[in-house]
Amino acid sequence: MSCESGWEAINLRFVERVPRTECSAHRHWERVKAVTGIDTSREENREIASKEFVRMWDYAFMWMCPTGPDIKKYGKTTSLTIKSYGNLFWRQVKS
């Protein structure tokens, strides 16, 4: 149902409940542990805990922005830093 409601929202069609989207909550291990009860301090539990968290929070869709040293392989990039307070800092990208 979540995936269907996500597509409806993307296509600007009314759905009964506002679909949920997240980009990283399923990787915040203390939160995941609190929601699922799965011990995320053990790395071998994290994948299953993450999947269970997404199921329990009923995500309609997920989005993400690739980062890291290999980012250039995705093509043209920008240089954007987001601080924890939501402040945006742009730097001009050199071609």
N, C-alpha and C. Protein backbone atom coordinates (compact mmCIF):
# COMPACT_ATOMS: atom_id res chain seq x y z
N MET A 1 0.81 -1.20 0.00
CA MET A 1 0.00 0.00 0.00
C MET A 1 0.86 1.26 0.00
N SER A 2 1.95 1.27 0.73
CA SER A 2 2.77 2.46 0.81
C SER A 2 3.34 2.87 -0.54
N CYS A 3 3.84 1.90 -1.28
CA CYS A 3 4.41 2.20 -2.59
C CYS A 3 3.34 2.82 -3.49
N GLU A 4 2.14 2.27 -3.45
CA GLU A 4 1.04 2.82 -4.26
C GLU A 4 0.72 4.25 -3.85
N SER A 5 0.66 4.52 -2.56
CA SER A 5 0.35 5.88 -2.11
C SER A 5 1.49 6.84 -2.47
N GLY A 6 2.71 6.35 -2.45
CA GLY A 6 3.85 7.16 -2.87
C GLY A 6 3.74 7.58 -4.32
N TRP A 7 3.41 6.62 -5.19
CA TRP A 7 3.25 6.94 -6.61
C TRP A 7 2.09 7.90 -6.84
N GLU A 8 1.00 7.71 -6.10
CA GLU A 8 -0.13 8.63 -6.22
C GLU A 8 0.30 10.05 -5.87
N ALA A 9 1.04 10.20 -4.78
CA ALA A 9 1.50 11.53 -4.36
C ALA A 9 2.46 12.13 -5.39
N ILE A 10 3.38 11.33 -5.90
CA ILE A 10 4.31 11.82 -6.92
C ILE A 10 3.55 12.33 -8.14
N ASN A 11 2.46 11.65 -8.47
CA ASN A 11 1.64 12.05 -9.62
C ASN A 11 0.55 13.06 -9.26
N LEU A 12 0.69 13.66 -8.07
CA LEU A 12 -0.20 14.73 -7.60
C LEU A 12 -1.67 14.31 -7.53
N ARG A 13 -1.89 13.06 -7.12
CA ARG A 13 -3.25 12.57 -6.92
C ARG A 13 -3.51 12.41 -5.42
N PHE A 14 -4.70 12.74 -4.99
CA PHE A 14 -5.08 12.70 -3.58
C PHE A 14 -5.02 11.28 -3.04
N VAL A 15 -4.48 11.14 -1.83
CA VAL A 15 -4.50 9.88 -1.10
C VAL A 15 -5.05 10.17 0.29
N GLU A 16 -5.61 9.16 0.94
CA GLU A 16 -6.24 9.37 2.25
C GLU A 16 -5.26 9.80 3.32
N ARG A 17 -4.05 9.30 3.25
CA ARG A 17 -3.05 9.60 4.26
C ARG A 17 -1.81 10.14 3.57
N VAL A 18 -1.21 11.17 4.13
CA VAL A 18 0.00 11.73 3.53
C VAL A 18 1.10 10.67 3.57
N PRO A 19 1.66 10.31 2.42
CA PRO A 19 2.70 9.28 2.39
C PRO A 19 3.97 9.73 3.10
N ARG A 20 4.64 8.81 3.71
CA ARG A 20 5.86 9.10 4.45
C ARG A 20 7.07 8.88 3.56
N THR A 21 8.02 9.80 3.62
CA THR A 21 9.29 9.63 2.94
C THR A 21 10.42 9.98 3.89
N GLU A 22 11.49 9.30 3.77
CA GLU A 22 12.67 9.53 4.60
C GLU A 22 13.90 9.29 3.73
N CYS A 23 15.02 9.83 4.18
CA CYS A 23 16.26 9.56 3.45
C CYS A 23 17.27 8.82 4.31
N SER A 24 17.17 8.89 5.64
CA SER A 24 18.21 8.24 6.43
C SER A 24 17.76 7.75 7.81
N ALA A 25 16.51 7.93 8.18
CA ALA A 25 16.08 7.54 9.53
C ALA A 25 16.34 6.06 9.80
N HIS A 26 16.26 5.24 8.77
CA HIS A 26 16.47 3.79 8.93
C HIS A 26 17.94 3.42 9.19
N ARG A 27 18.81 4.42 9.25
CA ARG A 27 20.23 4.21 9.56
C ARG A 27 20.66 4.90 10.85
N HIS A 28 19.74 5.49 11.56
CA HIS A 28 20.01 6.08 12.87
C HIS A 28 19.76 4.99 13.90
N TRP A 29 20.82 4.31 14.28
CA TRP A 29 20.71 3.02 14.97
C TRP A 29 20.01 3.08 16.32
N GLU A 30 20.17 4.14 17.08
CA GLU A 30 19.46 4.23 18.36
C GLU A 30 17.95 4.32 18.13
N ARG A 31 17.54 5.10 17.14
CA ARG A 31 16.13 5.20 16.82
C ARG A 31 15.59 3.87 16.31
N VAL A 32 16.35 3.23 15.43
CA VAL A 32 15.93 1.94 14.88
C VAL A 32 15.74 0.93 16.01
N LYS A 33 16.67 0.92 16.95
CA LYS A 33 16.56 0.01 18.09
C LYS A 33 15.33 0.32 18.93
N ALA A 34 15.07 1.60 19.17
CA ALA A 34 13.91 1.99 19.98
C ALA A 34 12.60 1.58 19.32
N VAL A 35 12.54 1.67 18.00
CA VAL A 35 11.30 1.35 17.27
C VAL A 35 11.12 -0.16 17.11
N THR A 36 12.20 -0.86 16.76
CA THR A 36 12.08 -2.29 16.43
C THR A 36 12.36 -3.22 17.59
N GLY A 37 13.13 -2.75 18.57
CA GLY A 37 13.54 -3.62 19.66
C GLY A 37 14.72 -4.51 19.31
N ILE A 38 15.26 -4.36 18.10
CA ILE A 38 16.39 -5.17 17.65
C ILE A 38 17.69 -4.48 18.08
N ASP A 39 18.62 -5.23 18.63
CA ASP A 39 19.88 -4.69 19.12
C ASP A 39 20.76 -4.27 17.94
N THR A 40 20.81 -2.96 17.67
CA THR A 40 21.58 -2.45 16.54
C THR A 40 23.03 -2.14 16.91
N SER A 41 23.40 -2.37 18.16
CA SER A 41 24.82 -2.21 18.51
C SER A 41 25.64 -3.34 17.90
N ARG A 42 24.97 -4.42 17.54
CA ARG A 42 25.62 -5.53 16.82
C ARG A 42 25.41 -5.32 15.32
N GLU A 43 26.50 -5.09 14.62
CA GLU A 43 26.42 -4.76 13.19
C GLU A 43 25.70 -5.82 12.37
N GLU A 44 25.80 -7.07 12.76
CA GLU A 44 25.14 -8.13 11.99
C GLU A 44 23.61 -8.04 12.07
N ASN A 45 23.07 -7.28 13.01
CA ASN A 45 21.62 -7.11 13.14
C ASN A 45 21.09 -5.91 12.37
N ARG A 46 21.96 -5.06 11.89
CA ARG A 46 21.54 -3.77 11.35
C ARG A 46 20.71 -3.87 10.07
N GLU A 47 21.06 -4.76 9.17
CA GLU A 47 20.31 -4.85 7.92
C GLU A 47 18.87 -5.26 8.17
N ILE A 48 18.67 -6.30 8.97
CA ILE A 48 17.31 -6.76 9.27
C ILE A 48 16.55 -5.71 10.08
N ALA A 49 17.24 -5.04 11.01
CA ALA A 49 16.61 -4.00 11.82
C ALA A 49 16.18 -2.83 10.93
N SER A 50 17.01 -2.46 9.98
CA SER A 50 16.70 -1.37 9.07
C SER A 50 15.45 -1.70 8.24
N LYS A 51 15.40 -2.91 7.71
CA LYS A 51 14.24 -3.34 6.92
C LYS A 51 12.97 -3.36 7.76
N GLU A 52 13.09 -3.82 8.98
CA GLU A 52 11.92 -3.86 9.88
C GLU A 52 11.46 -2.45 10.22
N PHE A 53 12.39 -1.55 10.43
CA PHE A 53 12.07 -0.15 10.72
C PHE A 53 11.27 0.47 9.56
N VAL A 54 11.75 0.27 8.34
CA VAL A 54 11.06 0.80 7.16
C VAL A 54 9.66 0.22 7.07
N ARG A 55 9.51 -1.07 7.34
CA ARG A 55 8.19 -1.71 7.31
C ARG A 55 7.27 -1.12 8.38
N MET A 56 7.79 -0.97 9.60
CA MET A 56 6.98 -0.47 10.70
C MET A 56 6.58 0.99 10.51
N TRP A 57 7.46 1.80 9.94
CA TRP A 57 7.14 3.21 9.73
C TRP A 57 6.38 3.43 8.43
N ASP A 58 6.18 2.37 7.66
CA ASP A 58 5.33 2.40 6.48
C ASP A 58 5.76 3.46 5.46
N TYR A 59 7.02 3.40 5.05
CA TYR A 59 7.53 4.34 4.05
C TYR A 59 6.77 4.18 2.74
N ALA A 60 6.46 5.29 2.10
CA ALA A 60 5.88 5.26 0.77
C ALA A 60 7.00 5.21 -0.28
N PHE A 61 8.07 5.92 -0.03
CA PHE A 61 9.25 5.86 -0.89
C PHE A 61 10.44 6.42 -0.13
N MET A 62 11.63 6.07 -0.59
CA MET A 62 12.86 6.57 -0.01
C MET A 62 13.65 7.29 -1.09
N TRP A 63 14.39 8.27 -0.70
CA TRP A 63 15.29 8.96 -1.61
C TRP A 63 16.62 9.11 -0.92
N MET A 64 17.64 9.31 -1.71
CA MET A 64 18.97 9.49 -1.15
C MET A 64 19.85 10.24 -2.13
N CYS A 65 20.89 10.79 -1.61
CA CYS A 65 21.88 11.51 -2.42
C CYS A 65 23.22 10.82 -2.23
N PRO A 66 23.77 10.24 -3.28
CA PRO A 66 25.06 9.58 -3.15
C PRO A 66 26.15 10.58 -2.75
N THR A 67 27.02 10.17 -1.85
CA THR A 67 28.14 11.01 -1.42
C THR A 67 29.38 10.15 -1.32
N GLY A 68 30.49 10.78 -1.10
CA GLY A 68 31.72 10.04 -0.89
C GLY A 68 32.74 10.28 -1.96
N PRO A 69 33.87 9.60 -1.84
CA PRO A 69 34.99 9.86 -2.75
C PRO A 69 34.71 9.44 -4.20
N ASP A 70 33.78 8.54 -4.42
CA ASP A 70 33.50 8.07 -5.79
C ASP A 70 32.35 8.81 -6.45
N ILE A 71 31.90 9.91 -5.87
CA ILE A 71 30.74 10.62 -6.37
C ILE A 71 30.91 11.10 -7.81
N LYS A 72 32.10 11.41 -8.24
CA LYS A 72 32.34 11.92 -9.60
C LYS A 72 31.92 10.92 -10.67
N LYS A 73 31.87 9.64 -10.34
CA LYS A 73 31.47 8.65 -11.34
C LYS A 73 30.01 8.81 -11.76
N TYR A 74 29.22 9.58 -10.98
CA TYR A 74 27.81 9.80 -11.31
C TYR A 74 27.61 10.96 -12.26
N GLY A 75 28.69 11.63 -12.65
CA GLY A 75 28.58 12.76 -13.57
C GLY A 75 28.83 14.07 -12.86
N LYS A 76 28.25 15.15 -13.39
CA LYS A 76 28.46 16.49 -12.84
C LYS A 76 27.91 16.56 -11.41
N THR A 77 28.67 17.20 -10.54
CA THR A 77 28.28 17.29 -9.14
C THR A 77 28.30 18.74 -8.68
N THR A 78 27.68 18.98 -7.53
CA THR A 78 27.76 20.28 -6.88
C THR A 78 28.50 20.09 -5.57
N SER A 79 28.74 21.18 -4.89
CA SER A 79 29.42 21.11 -3.61
C SER A 79 28.49 21.73 -2.57
N LEU A 80 27.69 20.92 -1.91
CA LEU A 80 26.70 21.38 -0.96
C LEU A 80 26.98 20.75 0.39
N THR A 81 27.00 21.56 1.42
CA THR A 81 27.17 21.07 2.78
C THR A 81 25.94 21.44 3.57
N ILE A 82 25.32 20.49 4.24
CA ILE A 82 24.17 20.77 5.08
C ILE A 82 24.58 20.57 6.52
N LYS A 83 24.51 21.61 7.32
CA LYS A 83 24.85 21.51 8.73
C LYS A 83 23.66 20.94 9.49
N SER A 84 23.91 20.47 10.68
CA SER A 84 22.86 19.83 11.45
C SER A 84 21.71 20.76 11.80
N TYR A 85 21.92 22.07 11.71
CA TYR A 85 20.85 23.01 12.01
C TYR A 85 20.05 23.39 10.77
N GLY A 86 20.33 22.77 9.66
CA GLY A 86 19.59 23.03 8.45
C GLY A 86 20.12 24.18 7.62
N ASN A 87 21.24 24.76 8.01
CA ASN A 87 21.82 25.85 7.23
C ASN A 87 22.48 25.27 5.98
N LEU A 88 22.30 25.95 4.87
CA LEU A 88 22.90 25.49 3.62
C LEU A 88 24.07 26.39 3.25
N PHE A 89 25.15 25.79 2.83
CA PHE A 89 26.33 26.53 2.41
C PHE A 89 26.73 26.04 1.03
N TRP A 90 26.68 26.92 0.03
CA TRP A 90 27.03 26.56 -1.33
C TRP A 90 28.42 27.08 -1.65
N ARG A 91 29.16 26.31 -2.42
CA ARG A 91 30.42 26.77 -2.98
C ARG A 91 30.33 26.58 -4.49
N GLN A 92 30.92 27.48 -5.21
CA GLN A 92 30.89 27.37 -6.66
C GLN A 92 31.72 26.17 -7.10
N VAL A 93 31.16 25.41 -8.00
CA VAL A 93 31.83 24.21 -8.50
C VAL A 93 32.74 24.60 -9.64
N LYS A 94 33.98 24.11 -9.60
CA LYS A 94 34.92 24.35 -10.69
C LYS A 94 34.66 23.33 -11.79
N SER A 95 34.58 23.79 -13.02
CA SER A 95 34.31 22.88 -14.14
C SER A 95 35.55 22.12 -14.52
